[in-house]
Amino acid sequence: MLIHPWDAAADETEWREWLARHSFGQLAVNGLPGDPPQVQPAHFRYDAEPGPYGRVITHLARPNPLWRALEADPQVLLSVVDDYVYVPGTWTASEGAPAEHGTPTSYYAAVQLRCVARVVDDPAEKAELLNRQVAHFQPEGGTAPAAPGEAPFGRMLSGIRGLSLEVTEVRAKFKYAGNRPEYVRRGVAERLAERAGPGDLAARAHQLRRLAAEE
């Protein structure tokens, strides 16, 4: 992922706070020789500890073809992208230039976590991993815990395998026209508020937040 200096995260706090609000991404595995990389969409739980970058936990069905690729190479990449919008060129023209000379672009936030994967097959550890993931998505409870050999989910544990991903590197990008003049960025922010389509207000919030940080 190309990251220009003006698109980079200001600091760890920026990407950590953004990632804490996201729990769905795409897990990319290098795969077997001669095969293309495999990509699996998945819900996940990110924990800021242990280690300098934390870890990710998730689980997949036992028949998933990803397992053979993981056995061949445990180095994986978890990609999370959100707050994306298309920005028409007519919104970005420089002062004094015709609107049709503006450059269309896209805005988005992206965090990529490079990880070392460990497959979890021990029933007790797998149940603990699954319960932690469910607790993340359902803090209000309401679902019975998984426990080996116990109803209602004990017998179902054999149908999944857990994944514990140790994060070794983080690449974060907040592409919101940080290289353009302030008047262009504020003008786009106004247009995003007017359009108010999917993702527009979230992208606008990023743009205004990063502008404020420059003041």
N, C-alpha and C. Protein backbone atom coordinates (compact mmCIF):
# COMPACT_ATOMS: atom_id res chain seq x y z
N MET A 1 0.85 -1.19 0.00
CA MET A 1 0.00 0.00 0.00
C MET A 1 0.89 1.24 0.00
N LEU A 2 0.73 2.07 -1.02
CA LEU A 2 1.48 3.32 -1.10
C LEU A 2 0.94 4.30 -0.06
N ILE A 3 1.86 4.88 0.73
CA ILE A 3 1.47 5.88 1.73
C ILE A 3 2.33 7.12 1.54
N HIS A 4 1.74 8.16 0.98
CA HIS A 4 2.45 9.43 0.88
C HIS A 4 2.56 10.06 2.27
N PRO A 5 3.55 10.92 2.48
CA PRO A 5 3.71 11.53 3.82
C PRO A 5 2.45 12.23 4.30
N TRP A 6 1.70 12.85 3.40
CA TRP A 6 0.51 13.59 3.82
C TRP A 6 -0.69 12.68 4.11
N ASP A 7 -0.56 11.39 3.76
CA ASP A 7 -1.63 10.43 4.04
C ASP A 7 -1.33 9.56 5.26
N ALA A 8 -0.11 9.65 5.78
CA ALA A 8 0.28 8.78 6.89
C ALA A 8 -0.47 9.15 8.17
N ALA A 9 -0.63 8.17 9.04
CA ALA A 9 -1.21 8.44 10.35
C ALA A 9 -0.32 9.42 11.11
N ALA A 10 -0.93 10.34 11.80
CA ALA A 10 -0.17 11.33 12.55
C ALA A 10 0.66 10.67 13.64
N ASP A 11 0.10 9.64 14.27
CA ASP A 11 0.78 8.89 15.32
C ASP A 11 0.03 7.58 15.54
N GLU A 12 0.51 6.79 16.50
CA GLU A 12 -0.14 5.51 16.76
C GLU A 12 -1.57 5.68 17.26
N THR A 13 -1.81 6.77 17.98
CA THR A 13 -3.14 6.98 18.53
C THR A 13 -4.19 7.04 17.43
N GLU A 14 -3.85 7.69 16.31
CA GLU A 14 -4.83 7.85 15.23
C GLU A 14 -5.28 6.50 14.69
N TRP A 15 -4.33 5.63 14.36
CA TRP A 15 -4.75 4.35 13.77
C TRP A 15 -5.33 3.42 14.82
N ARG A 16 -4.81 3.49 16.06
CA ARG A 16 -5.35 2.62 17.11
C ARG A 16 -6.81 2.96 17.42
N GLU A 17 -7.13 4.23 17.52
CA GLU A 17 -8.51 4.62 17.80
C GLU A 17 -9.44 4.24 16.65
N TRP A 18 -8.95 4.40 15.43
CA TRP A 18 -9.77 4.01 14.27
C TRP A 18 -9.98 2.50 14.25
N LEU A 19 -8.90 1.74 14.45
CA LEU A 19 -9.01 0.27 14.41
C LEU A 19 -9.90 -0.25 15.52
N ALA A 20 -9.90 0.41 16.66
CA ALA A 20 -10.73 -0.04 17.78
C ALA A 20 -12.22 0.01 17.45
N ARG A 21 -12.58 0.80 16.44
CA ARG A 21 -13.99 0.91 16.03
C ARG A 21 -14.33 -0.02 14.86
N HIS A 22 -13.39 -0.88 14.50
CA HIS A 22 -13.60 -1.77 13.35
C HIS A 22 -13.31 -3.21 13.72
N SER A 23 -14.13 -4.10 13.21
CA SER A 23 -14.01 -5.51 13.57
C SER A 23 -14.27 -6.44 12.39
N PHE A 24 -14.12 -5.92 11.18
CA PHE A 24 -14.30 -6.76 9.99
C PHE A 24 -13.25 -6.38 8.97
N GLY A 25 -12.60 -7.40 8.42
CA GLY A 25 -11.56 -7.12 7.44
C GLY A 25 -11.36 -8.31 6.52
N GLN A 26 -10.27 -8.26 5.76
CA GLN A 26 -9.94 -9.33 4.83
C GLN A 26 -8.56 -9.88 5.18
N LEU A 27 -8.53 -11.18 5.43
CA LEU A 27 -7.29 -11.85 5.79
C LEU A 27 -6.66 -12.43 4.53
N ALA A 28 -5.46 -11.97 4.21
CA ALA A 28 -4.76 -12.41 3.00
C ALA A 28 -3.62 -13.34 3.39
N VAL A 29 -3.58 -14.50 2.72
CA VAL A 29 -2.57 -15.52 2.99
C VAL A 29 -1.82 -15.80 1.69
N ASN A 30 -0.49 -15.94 1.78
CA ASN A 30 0.33 -16.09 0.58
C ASN A 30 -0.05 -17.30 -0.24
N GLY A 31 -0.47 -18.36 0.42
CA GLY A 31 -0.92 -19.52 -0.33
C GLY A 31 0.20 -20.46 -0.70
N LEU A 32 -0.15 -21.41 -1.53
CA LEU A 32 0.79 -22.45 -1.94
C LEU A 32 1.48 -22.07 -3.24
N PRO A 33 2.68 -22.60 -3.49
CA PRO A 33 3.39 -22.28 -4.73
C PRO A 33 2.52 -22.54 -5.95
N GLY A 34 2.49 -21.56 -6.83
CA GLY A 34 1.70 -21.68 -8.05
C GLY A 34 0.27 -21.23 -7.91
N ASP A 35 -0.19 -21.01 -6.67
CA ASP A 35 -1.55 -20.53 -6.44
C ASP A 35 -1.54 -19.04 -6.17
N PRO A 36 -2.63 -18.35 -6.49
CA PRO A 36 -2.73 -16.93 -6.12
C PRO A 36 -2.94 -16.81 -4.61
N PRO A 37 -2.68 -15.63 -4.04
CA PRO A 37 -2.98 -15.43 -2.62
C PRO A 37 -4.45 -15.71 -2.34
N GLN A 38 -4.73 -16.21 -1.15
CA GLN A 38 -6.10 -16.44 -0.74
C GLN A 38 -6.54 -15.31 0.19
N VAL A 39 -7.78 -14.88 0.03
CA VAL A 39 -8.32 -13.76 0.82
C VAL A 39 -9.63 -14.20 1.44
N GLN A 40 -9.73 -14.05 2.76
CA GLN A 40 -10.91 -14.49 3.50
C GLN A 40 -11.52 -13.31 4.27
N PRO A 41 -12.75 -12.88 3.94
CA PRO A 41 -13.42 -11.88 4.76
C PRO A 41 -13.75 -12.49 6.13
N ALA A 42 -13.60 -11.71 7.19
CA ALA A 42 -13.85 -12.27 8.52
C ALA A 42 -14.07 -11.17 9.55
N HIS A 43 -14.96 -11.47 10.51
CA HIS A 43 -15.01 -10.68 11.72
C HIS A 43 -13.82 -11.03 12.60
N PHE A 44 -13.34 -10.08 13.36
CA PHE A 44 -12.18 -10.33 14.23
C PHE A 44 -12.28 -9.47 15.48
N ARG A 45 -11.49 -9.83 16.47
CA ARG A 45 -11.32 -9.00 17.65
C ARG A 45 -9.86 -8.58 17.70
N TYR A 46 -9.63 -7.26 17.83
CA TYR A 46 -8.28 -6.74 17.97
C TYR A 46 -8.04 -6.37 19.43
N ASP A 47 -6.95 -6.88 19.99
CA ASP A 47 -6.53 -6.54 21.35
C ASP A 47 -5.21 -5.80 21.26
N ALA A 48 -5.12 -4.64 21.92
CA ALA A 48 -3.92 -3.81 21.84
C ALA A 48 -2.70 -4.46 22.48
N GLU A 49 -2.90 -5.44 23.33
CA GLU A 49 -1.81 -6.19 23.95
C GLU A 49 -2.04 -7.67 23.67
N PRO A 50 -1.01 -8.50 23.75
CA PRO A 50 0.37 -8.22 24.17
C PRO A 50 1.24 -7.72 23.01
N GLY A 51 2.50 -7.45 23.33
CA GLY A 51 3.44 -7.00 22.32
C GLY A 51 3.25 -5.55 21.95
N PRO A 52 4.13 -5.02 21.13
CA PRO A 52 4.05 -3.60 20.77
C PRO A 52 2.83 -3.25 19.92
N TYR A 53 2.31 -4.21 19.17
CA TYR A 53 1.20 -3.93 18.27
C TYR A 53 -0.06 -4.75 18.57
N GLY A 54 0.01 -5.63 19.56
CA GLY A 54 -1.17 -6.38 19.94
C GLY A 54 -1.37 -7.64 19.13
N ARG A 55 -2.59 -8.16 19.20
CA ARG A 55 -2.92 -9.39 18.49
C ARG A 55 -4.37 -9.35 18.02
N VAL A 56 -4.67 -10.23 17.08
CA VAL A 56 -6.01 -10.38 16.53
C VAL A 56 -6.45 -11.81 16.76
N ILE A 57 -7.71 -12.01 17.14
CA ILE A 57 -8.25 -13.36 17.22
C ILE A 57 -9.47 -13.48 16.31
N THR A 58 -9.60 -14.64 15.71
CA THR A 58 -10.75 -14.93 14.86
C THR A 58 -10.87 -16.44 14.74
N HIS A 59 -11.84 -16.91 13.99
CA HIS A 59 -11.98 -18.35 13.75
C HIS A 59 -12.61 -18.55 12.38
N LEU A 60 -12.34 -19.72 11.82
CA LEU A 60 -12.87 -20.07 10.50
C LEU A 60 -13.34 -21.51 10.52
N ALA A 61 -14.20 -21.85 9.58
CA ALA A 61 -14.69 -23.22 9.48
C ALA A 61 -13.55 -24.17 9.13
N ARG A 62 -13.61 -25.36 9.68
CA ARG A 62 -12.55 -26.36 9.45
C ARG A 62 -12.36 -26.67 7.96
N PRO A 63 -13.42 -26.72 7.12
CA PRO A 63 -13.20 -27.04 5.69
C PRO A 63 -12.59 -25.89 4.88
N ASN A 64 -12.36 -24.74 5.50
CA ASN A 64 -11.85 -23.59 4.75
C ASN A 64 -10.52 -23.92 4.08
N PRO A 65 -10.34 -23.64 2.80
CA PRO A 65 -9.08 -23.96 2.11
C PRO A 65 -7.90 -23.13 2.59
N LEU A 66 -8.17 -22.13 3.41
CA LEU A 66 -7.09 -21.26 3.90
C LEU A 66 -6.08 -22.02 4.76
N TRP A 67 -6.53 -23.11 5.42
CA TRP A 67 -5.65 -23.78 6.38
C TRP A 67 -4.40 -24.34 5.73
N ARG A 68 -4.52 -24.92 4.55
CA ARG A 68 -3.35 -25.47 3.86
C ARG A 68 -2.36 -24.36 3.54
N ALA A 69 -2.88 -23.21 3.14
CA ALA A 69 -2.00 -22.09 2.82
C ALA A 69 -1.29 -21.59 4.09
N LEU A 70 -2.00 -21.56 5.21
CA LEU A 70 -1.39 -21.13 6.47
C LEU A 70 -0.30 -22.09 6.93
N GLU A 71 -0.53 -23.36 6.72
CA GLU A 71 0.50 -24.34 7.09
C GLU A 71 1.77 -24.14 6.27
N ALA A 72 1.60 -23.71 5.02
CA ALA A 72 2.75 -23.47 4.16
C ALA A 72 3.47 -22.18 4.52
N ASP A 73 2.72 -21.18 4.99
CA ASP A 73 3.33 -19.88 5.33
C ASP A 73 2.44 -19.16 6.33
N PRO A 74 2.88 -19.02 7.59
CA PRO A 74 2.05 -18.38 8.61
C PRO A 74 2.07 -16.85 8.56
N GLN A 75 2.84 -16.28 7.64
CA GLN A 75 2.87 -14.82 7.51
C GLN A 75 1.61 -14.37 6.76
N VAL A 76 0.78 -13.53 7.42
CA VAL A 76 -0.49 -13.11 6.82
C VAL A 76 -0.63 -11.59 6.93
N LEU A 77 -1.62 -11.08 6.21
CA LEU A 77 -1.93 -9.66 6.25
C LEU A 77 -3.42 -9.49 6.47
N LEU A 78 -3.79 -8.74 7.49
CA LEU A 78 -5.19 -8.40 7.72
C LEU A 78 -5.41 -6.97 7.26
N SER A 79 -6.30 -6.78 6.29
CA SER A 79 -6.56 -5.47 5.72
C SER A 79 -7.95 -4.99 6.12
N VAL A 80 -8.00 -3.76 6.66
CA VAL A 80 -9.26 -3.17 7.08
C VAL A 80 -9.39 -1.82 6.37
N VAL A 81 -10.49 -1.62 5.65
CA VAL A 81 -10.73 -0.39 4.89
C VAL A 81 -12.14 0.11 5.18
N ASP A 82 -12.27 1.42 5.41
CA ASP A 82 -13.60 1.97 5.67
C ASP A 82 -13.55 3.48 5.42
N ASP A 83 -14.69 4.13 5.65
CA ASP A 83 -14.82 5.58 5.53
C ASP A 83 -14.36 6.05 4.15
N TYR A 84 -14.78 5.30 3.12
CA TYR A 84 -14.35 5.60 1.76
C TYR A 84 -15.48 6.26 0.98
N VAL A 85 -15.09 7.19 0.12
CA VAL A 85 -16.05 7.88 -0.74
C VAL A 85 -15.37 8.22 -2.06
N TYR A 86 -16.19 8.43 -3.07
CA TYR A 86 -15.72 8.96 -4.36
C TYR A 86 -15.93 10.46 -4.35
N VAL A 87 -14.90 11.20 -4.76
CA VAL A 87 -14.96 12.66 -4.80
C VAL A 87 -14.91 13.10 -6.26
N PRO A 88 -15.97 13.70 -6.79
CA PRO A 88 -15.98 14.14 -8.19
C PRO A 88 -14.90 15.20 -8.47
N GLY A 89 -14.39 15.18 -9.68
CA GLY A 89 -13.37 16.16 -10.05
C GLY A 89 -13.87 17.58 -9.96
N THR A 90 -15.15 17.79 -10.18
CA THR A 90 -15.70 19.15 -10.13
C THR A 90 -15.63 19.76 -8.74
N TRP A 91 -15.35 18.94 -7.72
CA TRP A 91 -15.22 19.45 -6.35
C TRP A 91 -13.80 19.88 -6.01
N THR A 92 -12.84 19.48 -6.83
CA THR A 92 -11.43 19.62 -6.42
C THR A 92 -10.63 20.61 -7.25
N ALA A 93 -11.28 21.32 -8.15
CA ALA A 93 -10.55 22.25 -9.02
C ALA A 93 -9.84 23.33 -8.21
N SER A 94 -8.66 23.69 -8.66
CA SER A 94 -7.92 24.77 -8.00
C SER A 94 -8.60 26.10 -8.23
N GLU A 95 -8.32 27.04 -7.37
CA GLU A 95 -8.93 28.37 -7.47
C GLU A 95 -8.61 29.00 -8.82
N GLY A 96 -9.64 29.48 -9.51
CA GLY A 96 -9.47 30.12 -10.81
C GLY A 96 -9.49 29.17 -11.98
N ALA A 97 -9.45 27.86 -11.72
CA ALA A 97 -9.46 26.88 -12.80
C ALA A 97 -10.91 26.44 -13.08
N PRO A 98 -11.22 26.06 -14.32
CA PRO A 98 -12.56 25.54 -14.62
C PRO A 98 -12.85 24.30 -13.79
N ALA A 99 -14.10 24.13 -13.40
CA ALA A 99 -14.48 22.99 -12.57
C ALA A 99 -14.14 21.67 -13.25
N GLU A 100 -14.23 21.64 -14.59
CA GLU A 100 -13.98 20.39 -15.29
C GLU A 100 -12.50 19.99 -15.30
N HIS A 101 -11.64 20.89 -14.81
CA HIS A 101 -10.21 20.57 -14.73
C HIS A 101 -9.84 19.94 -13.38
N GLY A 102 -10.80 19.83 -12.50
CA GLY A 102 -10.53 19.18 -11.22
C GLY A 102 -10.29 17.69 -11.38
N THR A 103 -9.52 17.10 -10.48
CA THR A 103 -9.15 15.69 -10.57
C THR A 103 -10.05 14.83 -9.70
N PRO A 104 -10.78 13.89 -10.29
CA PRO A 104 -11.56 12.96 -9.45
C PRO A 104 -10.62 12.15 -8.56
N THR A 105 -11.10 11.78 -7.39
CA THR A 105 -10.24 11.03 -6.47
C THR A 105 -11.11 10.21 -5.53
N SER A 106 -10.47 9.46 -4.69
CA SER A 106 -11.17 8.71 -3.65
C SER A 106 -10.55 9.04 -2.30
N TYR A 107 -11.37 9.03 -1.28
CA TYR A 107 -10.92 9.17 0.09
C TYR A 107 -11.15 7.83 0.79
N TYR A 108 -10.25 7.47 1.69
CA TYR A 108 -10.47 6.26 2.48
C TYR A 108 -9.48 6.20 3.64
N ALA A 109 -9.86 5.41 4.63
CA ALA A 109 -8.95 5.08 5.73
C ALA A 109 -8.64 3.59 5.62
N ALA A 110 -7.39 3.23 5.85
CA ALA A 110 -6.99 1.83 5.74
C ALA A 110 -5.91 1.52 6.76
N VAL A 111 -6.04 0.38 7.40
CA VAL A 111 -5.01 -0.12 8.30
C VAL A 111 -4.71 -1.55 7.88
N GLN A 112 -3.43 -1.84 7.68
CA GLN A 112 -3.00 -3.18 7.33
C GLN A 112 -2.10 -3.72 8.45
N LEU A 113 -2.47 -4.90 8.93
CA LEU A 113 -1.73 -5.53 10.02
C LEU A 113 -0.98 -6.74 9.48
N ARG A 114 0.34 -6.68 9.54
CA ARG A 114 1.12 -7.86 9.18
C ARG A 114 1.23 -8.72 10.43
N CYS A 115 0.95 -10.01 10.27
CA CYS A 115 0.85 -10.88 11.44
C CYS A 115 1.53 -12.22 11.20
N VAL A 116 1.85 -12.88 12.31
CA VAL A 116 2.26 -14.28 12.29
C VAL A 116 1.11 -15.07 12.88
N ALA A 117 0.59 -16.02 12.11
CA ALA A 117 -0.61 -16.76 12.51
C ALA A 117 -0.24 -18.01 13.30
N ARG A 118 -1.04 -18.26 14.33
CA ARG A 118 -0.94 -19.52 15.08
C ARG A 118 -2.32 -20.16 15.07
N VAL A 119 -2.40 -21.39 14.58
CA VAL A 119 -3.67 -22.10 14.52
C VAL A 119 -3.98 -22.69 15.89
N VAL A 120 -5.21 -22.50 16.32
CA VAL A 120 -5.64 -22.98 17.64
C VAL A 120 -6.59 -24.16 17.44
N ASP A 121 -6.16 -25.34 17.90
CA ASP A 121 -6.99 -26.54 17.79
C ASP A 121 -7.34 -27.13 19.16
N ASP A 122 -6.62 -26.75 20.20
CA ASP A 122 -6.94 -27.26 21.53
C ASP A 122 -8.37 -26.85 21.90
N PRO A 123 -9.24 -27.79 22.25
CA PRO A 123 -10.65 -27.45 22.48
C PRO A 123 -10.86 -26.37 23.54
N ALA A 124 -10.13 -26.44 24.66
CA ALA A 124 -10.32 -25.45 25.71
C ALA A 124 -9.86 -24.07 25.26
N GLU A 125 -8.70 -24.00 24.60
CA GLU A 125 -8.20 -22.71 24.13
C GLU A 125 -9.10 -22.17 23.02
N LYS A 126 -9.59 -23.05 22.19
CA LYS A 126 -10.49 -22.64 21.11
C LYS A 126 -11.79 -22.07 21.68
N ALA A 127 -12.32 -22.70 22.71
CA ALA A 127 -13.54 -22.19 23.35
C ALA A 127 -13.29 -20.82 23.98
N GLU A 128 -12.13 -20.66 24.62
CA GLU A 128 -11.81 -19.36 25.25
C GLU A 128 -11.70 -18.28 24.19
N LEU A 129 -11.06 -18.60 23.07
CA LEU A 129 -10.92 -17.65 21.97
C LEU A 129 -12.30 -17.26 21.42
N LEU A 130 -13.14 -18.26 21.23
CA LEU A 130 -14.47 -18.00 20.68
C LEU A 130 -15.29 -17.14 21.64
N ASN A 131 -15.21 -17.43 22.94
CA ASN A 131 -15.97 -16.66 23.93
C ASN A 131 -15.49 -15.22 23.99
N ARG A 132 -14.19 -15.01 23.84
CA ARG A 132 -13.66 -13.64 23.84
C ARG A 132 -14.16 -12.88 22.61
N GLN A 133 -14.22 -13.56 21.49
CA GLN A 133 -14.69 -12.89 20.28
C GLN A 133 -16.17 -12.55 20.38
N VAL A 134 -16.97 -13.47 20.90
CA VAL A 134 -18.41 -13.21 21.06
C VAL A 134 -18.62 -12.07 22.06
N ALA A 135 -17.84 -12.05 23.14
CA ALA A 135 -17.98 -10.98 24.14
C ALA A 135 -17.69 -9.61 23.54
N HIS A 136 -16.79 -9.58 22.58
CA HIS A 136 -16.48 -8.31 21.91
C HIS A 136 -17.67 -7.79 21.13
N PHE A 137 -18.37 -8.70 20.45
CA PHE A 137 -19.49 -8.28 19.61
C PHE A 137 -20.81 -8.22 20.39
N GLN A 138 -20.90 -8.96 21.48
CA GLN A 138 -22.11 -8.97 22.29
C GLN A 138 -21.78 -8.70 23.74
N PRO A 139 -21.33 -7.49 24.06
CA PRO A 139 -21.01 -7.19 25.47
C PRO A 139 -22.22 -7.31 26.38
N GLU A 140 -23.41 -7.22 25.80
CA GLU A 140 -24.63 -7.36 26.61
C GLU A 140 -24.93 -8.82 26.94
N GLY A 141 -24.17 -9.74 26.37
CA GLY A 141 -24.40 -11.16 26.63
C GLY A 141 -25.55 -11.70 25.82
N GLY A 142 -26.16 -12.78 26.33
CA GLY A 142 -27.32 -13.36 25.66
C GLY A 142 -27.03 -14.63 24.92
N THR A 143 -25.75 -14.97 24.75
CA THR A 143 -25.37 -16.22 24.09
C THR A 143 -24.62 -17.08 25.09
N ALA A 144 -24.97 -18.36 25.16
CA ALA A 144 -24.32 -19.27 26.09
C ALA A 144 -22.84 -19.41 25.75
N PRO A 145 -21.98 -19.54 26.75
CA PRO A 145 -20.55 -19.73 26.46
C PRO A 145 -20.27 -21.09 25.85
N ALA A 146 -19.21 -21.14 25.06
CA ALA A 146 -18.76 -22.41 24.50
C ALA A 146 -17.85 -23.09 25.51
N ALA A 147 -18.03 -24.39 25.69
CA ALA A 147 -17.19 -25.18 26.58
C ALA A 147 -17.09 -26.59 26.01
N PRO A 148 -15.88 -27.16 25.95
CA PRO A 148 -15.72 -28.50 25.38
C PRO A 148 -16.62 -29.53 26.08
N GLY A 149 -17.34 -30.26 25.27
CA GLY A 149 -18.17 -31.33 25.80
C GLY A 149 -19.46 -30.90 26.46
N GLU A 150 -19.76 -29.60 26.43
CA GLU A 150 -20.97 -29.11 27.09
C GLU A 150 -21.90 -28.48 26.06
N ALA A 151 -23.20 -28.67 26.29
CA ALA A 151 -24.20 -28.05 25.42
C ALA A 151 -24.25 -26.55 25.71
N PRO A 152 -24.62 -25.71 24.72
CA PRO A 152 -25.11 -26.13 23.39
C PRO A 152 -24.05 -26.15 22.30
N PHE A 153 -22.83 -25.67 22.61
CA PHE A 153 -21.86 -25.48 21.53
C PHE A 153 -20.66 -26.43 21.59
N GLY A 154 -20.57 -27.24 22.64
CA GLY A 154 -19.40 -28.09 22.81
C GLY A 154 -19.12 -28.98 21.62
N ARG A 155 -20.16 -29.59 21.09
CA ARG A 155 -19.97 -30.51 19.96
C ARG A 155 -19.65 -29.76 18.67
N MET A 156 -19.97 -28.47 18.62
CA MET A 156 -19.73 -27.70 17.40
C MET A 156 -18.29 -27.20 17.32
N LEU A 157 -17.55 -27.25 18.42
CA LEU A 157 -16.18 -26.73 18.41
C LEU A 157 -15.29 -27.46 17.42
N SER A 158 -15.58 -28.73 17.18
CA SER A 158 -14.75 -29.49 16.24
C SER A 158 -14.91 -29.00 14.81
N GLY A 159 -15.95 -28.24 14.53
CA GLY A 159 -16.20 -27.76 13.18
C GLY A 159 -15.48 -26.47 12.84
N ILE A 160 -14.76 -25.89 13.82
CA ILE A 160 -14.02 -24.66 13.56
C ILE A 160 -12.58 -24.81 14.03
N ARG A 161 -11.73 -23.90 13.57
CA ARG A 161 -10.36 -23.79 14.07
C ARG A 161 -10.14 -22.32 14.41
N GLY A 162 -9.42 -22.09 15.48
CA GLY A 162 -9.16 -20.72 15.89
C GLY A 162 -7.88 -20.18 15.28
N LEU A 163 -7.79 -18.86 15.26
CA LEU A 163 -6.58 -18.19 14.77
C LEU A 163 -6.18 -17.10 15.75
N SER A 164 -4.94 -17.16 16.17
CA SER A 164 -4.36 -16.09 16.98
C SER A 164 -3.27 -15.44 16.13
N LEU A 165 -3.43 -14.17 15.84
CA LEU A 165 -2.51 -13.46 14.93
C LEU A 165 -1.68 -12.45 15.72
N GLU A 166 -0.39 -12.72 15.83
CA GLU A 166 0.52 -11.77 16.49
C GLU A 166 0.88 -10.67 15.48
N VAL A 167 0.53 -9.43 15.80
CA VAL A 167 0.78 -8.31 14.89
C VAL A 167 2.24 -7.89 15.00
N THR A 168 2.96 -7.90 13.89
CA THR A 168 4.37 -7.56 13.88
C THR A 168 4.66 -6.21 13.20
N GLU A 169 3.70 -5.72 12.42
CA GLU A 169 3.91 -4.45 11.72
C GLU A 169 2.55 -3.86 11.37
N VAL A 170 2.46 -2.53 11.43
CA VAL A 170 1.21 -1.84 11.11
C VAL A 170 1.50 -0.77 10.06
N ARG A 171 0.67 -0.74 9.03
CA ARG A 171 0.73 0.32 8.03
C ARG A 171 -0.65 0.97 7.98
N ALA A 172 -0.67 2.27 8.20
CA ALA A 172 -1.95 2.99 8.29
C ALA A 172 -1.95 4.16 7.32
N LYS A 173 -3.11 4.37 6.69
CA LYS A 173 -3.25 5.44 5.69
C LYS A 173 -4.60 6.13 5.86
N PHE A 174 -4.57 7.45 5.86
CA PHE A 174 -5.78 8.25 5.92
C PHE A 174 -5.74 9.21 4.73
N LYS A 175 -6.32 8.76 3.63
CA LYS A 175 -6.21 9.48 2.36
C LYS A 175 -7.37 10.48 2.24
N TYR A 176 -7.11 11.69 2.70
CA TYR A 176 -8.15 12.73 2.68
C TYR A 176 -7.58 14.05 2.16
N ALA A 177 -6.83 13.94 1.04
CA ALA A 177 -6.33 15.11 0.31
C ALA A 177 -5.45 16.01 1.16
N GLY A 178 -4.62 15.40 1.98
CA GLY A 178 -3.73 16.19 2.83
C GLY A 178 -2.72 17.03 2.06
N ASN A 179 -2.54 16.75 0.78
CA ASN A 179 -1.60 17.52 -0.04
C ASN A 179 -2.25 18.70 -0.77
N ARG A 180 -3.59 18.85 -0.64
CA ARG A 180 -4.30 19.91 -1.33
C ARG A 180 -4.45 21.14 -0.44
N PRO A 181 -4.62 22.33 -1.05
CA PRO A 181 -4.80 23.54 -0.25
C PRO A 181 -6.01 23.42 0.68
N GLU A 182 -5.96 24.17 1.77
CA GLU A 182 -7.03 24.10 2.76
C GLU A 182 -8.38 24.46 2.15
N TYR A 183 -8.42 25.44 1.24
CA TYR A 183 -9.71 25.86 0.71
C TYR A 183 -10.35 24.74 -0.11
N VAL A 184 -9.53 23.92 -0.78
CA VAL A 184 -10.07 22.79 -1.53
C VAL A 184 -10.63 21.75 -0.57
N ARG A 185 -9.90 21.45 0.48
CA ARG A 185 -10.35 20.43 1.42
C ARG A 185 -11.62 20.87 2.15
N ARG A 186 -11.69 22.13 2.52
CA ARG A 186 -12.91 22.61 3.21
C ARG A 186 -14.09 22.66 2.25
N GLY A 187 -13.81 22.97 1.00
CA GLY A 187 -14.88 22.95 0.01
C GLY A 187 -15.42 21.55 -0.20
N VAL A 188 -14.53 20.57 -0.25
CA VAL A 188 -14.97 19.18 -0.39
C VAL A 188 -15.76 18.76 0.83
N ALA A 189 -15.32 19.17 2.01
CA ALA A 189 -16.04 18.83 3.24
C ALA A 189 -17.47 19.37 3.20
N GLU A 190 -17.65 20.58 2.68
CA GLU A 190 -19.01 21.13 2.56
C GLU A 190 -19.84 20.30 1.59
N ARG A 191 -19.25 19.89 0.48
CA ARG A 191 -19.98 19.10 -0.51
C ARG A 191 -20.36 17.72 0.06
N LEU A 192 -19.46 17.15 0.85
CA LEU A 192 -19.76 15.87 1.46
C LEU A 192 -20.95 15.98 2.42
N ALA A 193 -20.99 17.08 3.16
CA ALA A 193 -22.12 17.30 4.08
C ALA A 193 -23.42 17.45 3.30
N GLU A 194 -23.37 18.12 2.16
CA GLU A 194 -24.56 18.30 1.34
C GLU A 194 -25.01 16.98 0.72
N ARG A 195 -24.07 16.21 0.23
CA ARG A 195 -24.42 14.95 -0.42
C ARG A 195 -24.91 13.93 0.61
N ALA A 196 -24.21 13.82 1.73
CA ALA A 196 -24.60 12.97 2.86
C ALA A 196 -24.97 11.55 2.43
N GLY A 197 -24.20 11.00 1.51
CA GLY A 197 -24.43 9.62 1.08
C GLY A 197 -23.65 8.65 1.96
N PRO A 198 -23.65 7.37 1.60
CA PRO A 198 -22.92 6.38 2.39
C PRO A 198 -21.44 6.75 2.53
N GLY A 199 -20.97 6.84 3.73
CA GLY A 199 -19.56 7.14 3.99
C GLY A 199 -19.20 8.60 3.99
N ASP A 200 -20.08 9.47 3.47
CA ASP A 200 -19.72 10.88 3.28
C ASP A 200 -19.42 11.59 4.61
N LEU A 201 -20.26 11.39 5.60
CA LEU A 201 -20.07 12.12 6.86
C LEU A 201 -18.85 11.61 7.62
N ALA A 202 -18.59 10.32 7.52
CA ALA A 202 -17.39 9.78 8.17
C ALA A 202 -16.13 10.32 7.50
N ALA A 203 -16.13 10.36 6.16
CA ALA A 203 -14.98 10.91 5.44
C ALA A 203 -14.80 12.39 5.76
N ARG A 204 -15.91 13.12 5.83
CA ARG A 204 -15.85 14.54 6.17
C ARG A 204 -15.25 14.74 7.57
N ALA A 205 -15.63 13.90 8.51
CA ALA A 205 -15.11 14.02 9.87
C ALA A 205 -13.59 13.82 9.88
N HIS A 206 -13.10 12.86 9.10
CA HIS A 206 -11.65 12.66 9.01
C HIS A 206 -10.98 13.90 8.44
N GLN A 207 -11.56 14.44 7.38
CA GLN A 207 -10.94 15.59 6.73
C GLN A 207 -10.87 16.79 7.67
N LEU A 208 -11.96 17.06 8.36
CA LEU A 208 -11.98 18.20 9.29
C LEU A 208 -11.07 17.96 10.49
N ARG A 209 -11.02 16.72 10.98
CA ARG A 209 -10.17 16.40 12.12
C ARG A 209 -8.69 16.60 11.76
N ARG A 210 -8.31 16.15 10.58
CA ARG A 210 -6.91 16.28 10.18
C ARG A 210 -6.56 17.73 9.85
N LEU A 211 -7.52 18.49 9.33
CA LEU A 211 -7.29 19.92 9.15
C LEU A 211 -7.08 20.63 10.47
N ALA A 212 -7.90 20.28 11.45
CA ALA A 212 -7.76 20.91 12.77
C ALA A 212 -6.41 20.60 13.41
N ALA A 213 -5.90 19.40 13.16
CA ALA A 213 -4.61 19.00 13.73
C ALA A 213 -3.46 19.80 13.14
N GLU A 214 -3.66 20.38 11.96
CA GLU A 214 -2.61 21.16 11.31
C GLU A 214 -2.55 22.60 11.84
N GLU A 215 -3.62 23.03 12.52
CA GLU A 215 -3.69 24.42 12.97
C GLU A 215 -2.82 24.66 14.19
